[in-house]
Protein backbone atom coordinates (compact mmCIF):
# COMPACT_ATOMS: atom_id res chain seq x y z
CA MET A 1 8.58 -48.31 -21.77
CA THR A 2 11.30 -46.31 -19.64
CA LEU A 3 12.74 -42.84 -21.16
CA PRO A 4 15.42 -40.80 -19.47
CA LEU A 5 14.15 -37.28 -19.21
CA LYS A 6 16.84 -34.97 -19.86
CA ILE A 7 17.00 -31.48 -21.17
CA GLN A 8 19.89 -30.72 -23.77
CA PRO A 9 20.86 -27.59 -24.88
CA MET A 10 18.85 -25.50 -27.27
CA GLU A 11 15.77 -27.29 -26.12
CA ILE A 12 12.72 -24.72 -27.03
CA GLY A 13 11.35 -23.87 -23.22
CA GLU A 14 7.80 -22.83 -21.86
CA ASN A 15 7.42 -19.84 -23.45
CA HIS A 16 8.95 -20.92 -26.87
CA GLN A 17 12.49 -19.71 -26.12
CA GLU A 18 15.65 -21.38 -26.26
CA VAL A 19 16.99 -22.87 -23.67
CA LEU A 20 20.72 -21.25 -22.64
CA TYR A 21 22.64 -22.97 -19.74
CA LYS A 22 24.60 -21.08 -17.59
CA VAL A 23 26.91 -23.55 -16.12
CA PRO A 24 29.69 -25.34 -18.16
CA GLU A 25 30.22 -29.06 -18.62
CA ILE A 26 32.35 -31.07 -16.82
CA THR A 27 35.89 -32.29 -18.39
CA LEU A 28 39.23 -32.60 -16.91
CA LEU A 29 39.86 -28.88 -17.97
CA PHE A 30 36.77 -27.71 -15.84
CA TRP A 31 38.54 -29.77 -12.51
CA VAL A 32 41.80 -27.99 -13.86
CA VAL A 33 40.28 -24.57 -13.84
CA LYS A 34 38.33 -25.14 -10.67
CA LEU A 35 41.75 -26.12 -8.54
CA LEU A 36 43.49 -23.26 -9.98
CA THR A 37 41.43 -20.63 -8.60
CA THR A 38 40.72 -22.06 -5.33
CA ALA A 39 44.74 -22.19 -4.95
CA MET A 40 44.67 -18.87 -6.30
CA GLY A 41 41.89 -17.57 -4.04
CA GLU A 42 43.63 -18.77 -0.96
CA ALA A 43 46.93 -17.25 -1.98
CA THR A 44 45.41 -13.90 -2.90
CA SER A 45 43.07 -13.76 0.27
CA ASP A 46 46.05 -14.08 2.42
CA TYR A 47 48.49 -11.53 0.18
CA LEU A 48 45.97 -8.88 0.57
CA VAL A 49 44.84 -9.16 4.04
CA SER A 50 48.67 -9.05 5.12
CA HIS A 51 49.32 -6.28 2.84
CA ILE A 52 46.42 -3.83 3.27
CA ASN A 53 44.40 -3.24 5.67
CA PRO A 54 42.46 -5.88 6.39
CA TYR A 55 38.85 -4.58 6.73
CA VAL A 56 39.95 -2.69 3.28
CA ALA A 57 40.73 -6.08 1.41
CA VAL A 58 37.77 -7.54 3.01
CA LEU A 59 35.28 -4.94 1.65
CA THR A 60 37.32 -4.56 -1.49
CA GLY A 61 36.53 -8.46 -1.96
CA ALA A 62 32.74 -8.25 -1.33
CA PHE A 63 32.86 -5.14 -4.22
CA VAL A 64 34.52 -7.01 -6.99
CA PHE A 65 32.64 -10.33 -5.76
CA LEU A 66 29.46 -8.66 -6.07
CA PHE A 67 30.32 -6.63 -9.17
CA SER A 68 31.12 -10.52 -10.52
CA VAL A 69 27.91 -11.92 -9.41
CA ILE A 70 25.60 -9.12 -11.22
CA LEU A 71 27.53 -9.53 -14.60
CA GLN A 72 27.28 -13.31 -14.50
CA PHE A 73 23.38 -13.15 -14.21
CA SER A 74 22.84 -10.11 -16.52
CA VAL A 75 24.04 -12.99 -19.24
CA LYS A 76 21.83 -15.01 -20.77
CA LYS A 77 23.98 -18.08 -21.10
CA TYR A 78 27.62 -19.41 -20.72
CA ILE A 79 30.46 -17.07 -20.98
CA ALA A 80 33.52 -18.57 -19.85
CA TRP A 81 35.13 -15.39 -18.80
CA VAL A 82 32.42 -14.43 -16.95
CA TYR A 83 31.61 -17.56 -15.37
CA TRP A 84 35.11 -18.16 -14.17
CA PHE A 85 35.36 -14.73 -13.51
CA VAL A 86 32.71 -15.38 -10.44
CA VAL A 87 34.53 -18.42 -9.26
CA ALA A 88 37.78 -16.77 -9.02
CA MET A 89 36.44 -14.18 -6.81
CA VAL A 90 33.94 -16.36 -4.87
CA SER A 91 37.21 -18.07 -3.99
CA VAL A 92 38.92 -15.14 -3.01
CA PHE A 93 36.00 -13.67 -1.41
CA GLY A 94 34.97 -16.83 0.11
CA THR A 95 38.46 -17.19 1.80
CA MET A 96 38.19 -13.95 3.61
CA VAL A 97 34.91 -14.30 4.98
CA ALA A 98 35.99 -17.76 6.25
CA ASP A 99 39.31 -16.39 7.59
CA SER A 100 37.54 -13.62 9.26
CA ILE A 101 35.00 -15.37 11.02
CA HIS A 102 37.98 -17.52 12.88
CA VAL A 103 40.54 -14.29 13.65
CA ALA A 104 38.27 -11.79 14.14
CA LEU A 105 35.75 -13.70 15.94
CA GLY A 106 38.00 -16.01 17.41
CA ILE A 107 35.62 -18.92 16.30
CA PRO A 108 37.89 -21.87 15.85
CA TYR A 109 37.35 -24.45 12.66
CA VAL A 110 36.35 -27.21 14.80
CA VAL A 111 33.17 -24.97 15.47
CA THR A 112 32.59 -23.55 11.70
CA THR A 113 33.47 -26.74 9.47
CA PRO A 114 30.24 -28.26 10.77
CA ALA A 115 28.42 -24.91 10.79
CA PHE A 116 29.49 -24.38 7.37
CA LEU A 117 28.64 -27.91 6.12
CA ALA A 118 25.16 -27.44 7.73
CA MET A 119 24.69 -24.46 5.99
CA LEU A 120 25.69 -26.25 2.59
CA ILE A 121 22.59 -28.78 3.53
CA ALA A 122 20.59 -26.72 4.35
CA ILE A 123 20.85 -24.79 0.80
CA PHE A 124 20.84 -28.27 -0.96
CA VAL A 125 17.31 -29.02 0.62
CA VAL A 126 16.23 -25.83 0.26
CA TRP A 127 17.58 -26.18 -3.77
CA LYS A 128 16.17 -29.79 -3.80
CA LYS A 129 12.58 -28.93 -2.80
CA SER A 130 11.99 -26.09 -4.88
CA GLU A 131 13.44 -27.28 -7.72
CA ASN A 132 13.43 -30.79 -7.52
CA THR A 133 17.18 -31.57 -8.94
CA LEU A 134 20.21 -30.37 -7.79
CA SER A 135 21.68 -31.10 -11.25
CA ILE A 136 24.30 -28.55 -12.40
CA HIS A 137 23.03 -29.44 -16.47
CA SER A 138 19.63 -27.88 -15.15
CA ILE A 139 20.86 -24.42 -14.45
CA TYR A 140 18.80 -22.03 -17.08
CA ARG A 141 16.27 -20.64 -15.34
CA PRO A 142 17.44 -17.33 -12.90
CA ARG A 143 15.95 -19.19 -9.56
CA ARG A 144 18.26 -22.47 -10.06
CA GLU A 145 21.35 -20.40 -10.68
CA MET A 146 20.84 -18.47 -7.31
CA PHE A 147 20.70 -21.66 -5.57
CA TYR A 148 23.79 -22.72 -7.78
CA TRP A 149 25.93 -19.84 -6.63
CA ALA A 150 24.88 -19.90 -2.88
CA ALA A 151 25.92 -23.74 -3.31
CA VAL A 152 29.24 -22.53 -4.53
CA LEU A 153 30.23 -20.05 -2.01
CA ALA A 154 29.58 -22.22 0.77
CA THR A 155 31.70 -25.20 -0.64
CA PHE A 156 34.36 -22.22 -0.74
CA ALA A 157 33.46 -21.25 2.97
CA LEU A 158 33.38 -25.50 3.90
CA GLY A 159 36.59 -26.30 2.21
CA THR A 160 38.22 -23.22 3.52
CA ALA A 161 37.68 -23.79 6.83
CA ALA A 162 37.76 -27.98 6.47
CA GLY A 163 41.43 -27.54 5.06
CA ASP A 164 42.44 -25.14 7.73
CA MET A 165 41.29 -27.30 10.25
CA THR A 166 43.34 -30.35 9.22
CA ALA A 167 46.44 -28.50 8.64
CA SER A 168 46.42 -26.37 11.85
CA SER A 169 43.69 -27.66 14.49
CA LEU A 170 44.67 -31.24 13.64
CA ASP A 171 48.17 -30.13 12.94
CA LEU A 172 48.55 -32.47 9.54
CA GLY A 173 50.49 -29.96 7.80
CA TYR A 174 50.13 -28.59 4.34
CA PHE A 175 51.46 -30.88 2.47
CA ILE A 176 49.80 -34.15 4.29
CA SER A 177 46.45 -32.13 4.33
CA GLY A 178 46.72 -31.72 0.43
CA VAL A 179 47.39 -35.46 0.11
CA LEU A 180 44.46 -36.40 2.23
CA PHE A 181 42.15 -34.27 0.45
CA ALA A 182 43.90 -35.13 -3.07
CA ILE A 183 42.51 -38.85 -2.03
CA LEU A 184 39.08 -37.34 -0.89
CA PHE A 185 38.41 -35.54 -4.29
CA LEU A 186 39.20 -38.65 -6.04
CA LEU A 187 36.96 -41.08 -4.23
CA PRO A 188 33.49 -39.97 -5.84
CA GLY A 189 34.37 -40.27 -9.12
CA LEU A 190 35.94 -43.43 -8.93
CA ALA A 191 32.55 -44.42 -6.82
CA TYR A 192 30.95 -42.91 -10.01
CA ARG A 193 32.90 -44.56 -12.74
CA PHE A 194 33.08 -48.13 -11.18
CA LEU A 195 29.86 -48.24 -8.64
CA ARG A 196 27.54 -46.63 -10.64
CA ALA A 197 27.31 -44.24 -7.59
CA ASN A 198 24.87 -40.96 -8.15
CA PRO A 199 26.57 -38.45 -10.64
CA ILE A 200 24.97 -35.41 -8.50
CA LEU A 201 26.46 -36.70 -5.42
CA ALA A 202 29.44 -37.38 -6.74
CA PHE A 203 29.85 -34.19 -8.35
CA TRP A 204 29.27 -32.02 -5.53
CA LEU A 205 31.41 -34.21 -3.27
CA SER A 206 34.85 -33.77 -5.51
CA TYR A 207 33.43 -29.92 -5.67
CA ILE A 208 33.52 -29.88 -2.13
CA MET A 209 36.87 -31.21 -1.91
CA THR A 210 38.59 -29.17 -4.85
CA ARG A 211 38.56 -25.94 -2.08
CA PRO A 212 40.73 -27.37 0.70
CA LEU A 213 42.77 -29.42 -1.87
CA GLY A 214 43.72 -26.25 -3.55
CA ALA A 215 44.23 -24.43 -0.50
CA SER A 216 46.33 -27.00 1.03
CA PHE A 217 48.80 -26.69 -1.38
CA ALA A 218 48.60 -23.20 -2.18
CA ASP A 219 49.76 -22.79 1.54
CA TRP A 220 52.48 -24.98 0.80
CA ALA A 221 53.91 -23.49 -1.82
CA ASP A 222 53.52 -19.89 -0.08
CA LYS A 223 54.03 -20.29 3.50
CA PRO A 224 57.48 -20.39 5.11
CA LYS A 225 59.89 -22.94 5.67
CA ARG A 226 59.39 -23.06 9.12
CA PHE A 227 56.00 -23.36 9.36
CA GLY A 228 56.27 -26.83 6.58
CA GLY A 229 55.91 -24.58 3.44
CA LEU A 230 58.00 -24.39 0.49
CA GLY A 231 58.55 -20.61 0.86
CA TYR A 232 57.54 -19.12 -2.40
CA GLY A 233 55.50 -16.37 -0.89
CA THR A 234 52.01 -15.41 -1.61
CA ALA A 235 52.61 -12.99 -4.39
CA LEU A 236 54.70 -15.22 -6.95
CA VAL A 237 51.96 -17.93 -6.17
CA SER A 238 49.29 -15.61 -6.51
CA VAL A 239 50.53 -14.46 -9.86
CA SER A 240 51.70 -17.55 -10.98
CA LEU A 241 48.43 -19.13 -10.48
CA THR A 242 46.41 -16.08 -11.95
CA ALA A 243 48.56 -16.72 -14.83
CA ALA A 244 47.93 -19.94 -15.37
CA ILE A 245 43.85 -19.17 -15.07
CA ILE A 246 43.72 -16.80 -17.62
CA ALA A 247 45.77 -18.74 -20.26
CA CYS A 248 43.18 -21.92 -19.12
CA VAL A 249 39.98 -19.85 -19.79
CA THR A 250 41.36 -18.25 -22.79
CA TYR A 251 41.82 -21.36 -24.50
CA MET A 252 38.15 -22.11 -23.18
CA ALA A 253 36.64 -19.23 -24.82
CA LEU A 254 38.21 -20.37 -28.21
CA SER A 255 37.68 -23.67 -28.15
CA ARG A 256 34.49 -23.66 -26.45
CA LYS A 257 34.53 -27.20 -25.45
CA GLU A 258 33.46 -26.48 -22.07
CA ASP A 259 30.08 -24.44 -23.43
CA PRO A 260 27.29 -26.24 -22.87
CA ASN A 261 24.91 -24.54 -25.34
CA ARG A 262 27.60 -25.92 -28.06
CA SER A 263 26.63 -29.41 -28.51
CA PRO A 264 24.60 -32.30 -26.23
CA GLN A 265 25.40 -33.01 -22.62
CA SER A 266 27.21 -36.22 -21.94
CA ALA A 267 25.83 -38.41 -18.99
CA ALA A 268 28.70 -37.43 -16.79
CA PHE A 269 29.12 -35.79 -13.29
CA GLY A 270 26.45 -33.59 -12.17
CA ASP A 271 23.80 -35.03 -14.60
CA GLN A 272 20.73 -36.49 -13.52
CA GLU A 273 18.21 -38.80 -15.58
CA VAL A 274 14.64 -38.96 -14.19
CA PRO A 275 12.75 -41.80 -15.41
CA SER A 276 9.58 -41.66 -16.40
CA GLU A 277 7.24 -44.54 -17.09
CA GLU A 278 5.13 -44.65 -20.13
CA GLY A 279 2.41 -47.05 -21.15
């Protein structure tokens, strides 16, 4: 018969140790906070590089990003504050890296976008070959977690370049770009829900779209009206989004509804069931 091989929280691992997961369950609040962090990263990066020395801003971003990654790898299980701290810093630093490549080196977005896409595909190929899964519900080993965060960083760089390419190079504007990426963000979920699309593929496609989606609306909110924005400024947008993130993550930490080690995971975005034939 066919059995679904699926690791559940609190499973006993190969060394007779409890398996503890490092990535939260995929819920509506997960996507809300993910979008908030992408928008915050765009606004915060723009504010820092325009108000202090850009080299100091990038180096500071790199230092805090490295600190957040070390902190994440030092804990043994998913902790809401630690996990989302890394995501927030990936957003800020990833934006700085993508923008620096374009501004400092003068490489156009039509070049960096496919380059970052190729990088992300390469990470997925190596990850799949090494671990035989791209499911985020299998992140309980250090090597898998390294692949996961490498993919996350690559999605941010890709999303930043793609968002800027549509808004600037293709001259669609921030709002229209945001609407476009909102549609692209929803399509994989609809395909998963109604067409039984592969959940892992659907998850990562939507995940990639969160970056340009959040960044486009952040730019629309903070850019001057003469550039097609609402003119609220990067400082106000950054502070407002940060406050919203803190409120959401506080709720996550207290409720533990997204904690993968609290209850069995449901088969959803980012999950995988591998059939095995028995007898």
